[in-house]
C-alpha atoms as a PDB file:
ATOM      1  CA  UNK A   1      -3.910  14.152  -4.586  1.00  0.00           C
ATOM      2  CA  UNK A   2      -2.673  13.317  -8.087  1.00  0.00           C
ATOM      3  CA  UNK A   3      -0.004  11.112  -6.458  1.00  0.00           C
ATOM      4  CA  UNK A   4      -2.682   9.152  -4.595  1.00  0.00           C
ATOM      5  CA  UNK A   5      -4.640   8.666  -7.802  1.00  0.00           C
ATOM      6  CA  UNK A   6      -1.593   7.146  -9.479  1.00  0.00           C
ATOM      7  CA  UNK A   7      -1.083   4.782  -6.549  1.00  0.00           C
ATOM      8  CA  UNK A   8      -4.726   3.799  -6.484  1.00  0.00           C
ATOM      9  CA  UNK A   9      -4.567   2.993 -10.217  1.00  0.00           C
ATOM     10  CA  UNK A  10      -1.389   0.954  -9.711  1.00  0.00           C
ATOM     11  CA  UNK A  11      -3.034  -1.129  -6.989  1.00  0.00           C
ATOM     12  CA  UNK A  12      -6.256  -1.571  -9.019  1.00  0.00           C
ATOM     13  CA  UNK A  13      -4.318  -2.623 -12.127  1.00  0.00           C
ATOM     14  CA  UNK A  14      -2.716  -5.387 -10.048  1.00  0.00           C
ATOM     15  CA  UNK A  15      -5.968  -6.432  -8.392  1.00  0.00           C
ATOM     16  CA  UNK A  16      -4.791  -5.422  -4.949  1.00  0.00           C
ATOM     17  CA  UNK A  17      -7.486  -4.599  -2.414  1.00  0.00           C
ATOM     18  CA  UNK A  18      -6.990  -1.504  -0.281  1.00  0.00           C
ATOM     19  CA  UNK A  19      -8.867   1.139   1.730  1.00  0.00           C
ATOM     20  CA  UNK A  20      -7.996   4.372   3.362  1.00  0.00           C
ATOM     21  CA  UNK A  21      -7.676   4.322   7.126  1.00  0.00           C
ATOM     22  CA  UNK A  22      -8.817   7.938   7.392  1.00  0.00           C
ATOM     23  CA  UNK A  23     -10.700  10.471   5.229  1.00  0.00           C
ATOM     24  CA  UNK A  24      -7.463  12.468   4.857  1.00  0.00           C
ATOM     25  CA  UNK A  25      -6.050   9.724   2.637  1.00  0.00           C
ATOM     26  CA  UNK A  26      -2.624   9.759   4.336  1.00  0.00           C
ATOM     27  CA  UNK A  27      -2.760   6.102   5.496  1.00  0.00           C
ATOM     28  CA  UNK A  28      -3.839   3.084   3.437  1.00  0.00           C
ATOM     29  CA  UNK A  29      -4.516  -0.466   4.556  1.00  0.00           C
ATOM     30  CA  UNK A  30      -3.558  -2.866   1.809  1.00  0.00           C
ATOM     31  CA  UNK A  31      -4.332  -6.594   1.701  1.00  0.00           C
ATOM     32  CA  UNK A  32      -1.126  -8.595   1.416  1.00  0.00           C
ATOM     33  CA  UNK A  33      -0.429 -12.316   1.082  1.00  0.00           C
ATOM     34  CA  UNK A  34      -0.363 -13.066   4.773  1.00  0.00           C
ATOM     35  CA  UNK A  35      -2.301 -10.140   6.246  1.00  0.00           C
ATOM     36  CA  UNK A  36      -2.552  -6.423   6.081  1.00  0.00           C
ATOM     37  CA  UNK A  37       0.113  -3.881   5.144  1.00  0.00           C
ATOM     38  CA  UNK A  38       0.055  -0.296   6.373  1.00  0.00           C
ATOM     39  CA  UNK A  39       1.088   2.110   3.598  1.00  0.00           C
ATOM     40  CA  UNK A  40       1.610   5.867   3.743  1.00  0.00           C
ATOM     41  CA  UNK A  41       1.431   7.247   0.172  1.00  0.00           C
ATOM     42  CA  UNK A  42       2.850  10.638   1.208  1.00  0.00           C
ATOM     43  CA  UNK A  43       6.139   9.119   2.306  1.00  0.00           C
ATOM     44  CA  UNK A  44       5.979   5.795   0.423  1.00  0.00           C
ATOM     45  CA  UNK A  45       6.698   3.784   3.553  1.00  0.00           C
ATOM     46  CA  UNK A  46       4.971   0.486   4.096  1.00  0.00           C
ATOM     47  CA  UNK A  47       5.063  -2.046   6.895  1.00  0.00           C
ATOM     48  CA  UNK A  48       3.576  -5.559   6.886  1.00  0.00           C
ATOM     49  CA  UNK A  49       1.638  -6.088  10.111  1.00  0.00           C
ATOM     50  CA  UNK A  50       2.962  -8.825  12.387  1.00  0.00           C
ATOM     51  CA  UNK A  51       6.300  -9.047  10.618  1.00  0.00           C
ATOM     52  CA  UNK A  52       9.415  -7.057  10.386  1.00  0.00           C
ATOM     53  CA  UNK A  53       9.087  -6.610   6.644  1.00  0.00           C
ATOM     54  CA  UNK A  54       8.948  -3.063   5.475  1.00  0.00           C
ATOM     55  CA  UNK A  55       9.888  -0.990   2.446  1.00  0.00           C
ATOM     56  CA  UNK A  56       9.432   2.169   0.458  1.00  0.00           C
ATOM     57  CA  UNK A  57       7.465   2.925  -2.648  1.00  0.00           C
ATOM     58  CA  UNK A  58       4.227   1.779  -4.227  1.00  0.00           C
ATOM     59  CA  UNK A  59       5.988  -0.326  -6.889  1.00  0.00           C
ATOM     60  CA  UNK A  60       8.062  -2.085  -4.250  1.00  0.00           C
ATOM     61  CA  UNK A  61       4.897  -2.745  -2.302  1.00  0.00           C
ATOM     62  CA  UNK A  62       3.196  -4.270  -5.353  1.00  0.00           C
ATOM     63  CA  UNK A  63       6.214  -6.454  -6.108  1.00  0.00           C
ATOM     64  CA  UNK A  64       6.232  -7.652  -2.476  1.00  0.00           C
ATOM     65  CA  UNK A  65       2.530  -8.613  -2.632  1.00  0.00           C
ATOM     66  CA  UNK A  66       2.799 -10.356  -6.003  1.00  0.00           C
ATOM     67  CA  UNK A  67       5.947 -12.277  -5.112  1.00  0.00           C
END
């Protein structure tokens, strides 16, 4: 879970709101600019709900939200 801790810290440092969808911490729901983004920390994949925008990696996710 060290990886998840690093991702959580990255999101907190950038004032990005998130929660885990399940207790297993394999799926996060992150607040984006226009809605929610589904993020899977184990694979790094993220998909913005209601759009076709997707990407990989926590840093790429943060850049997308802050853009």
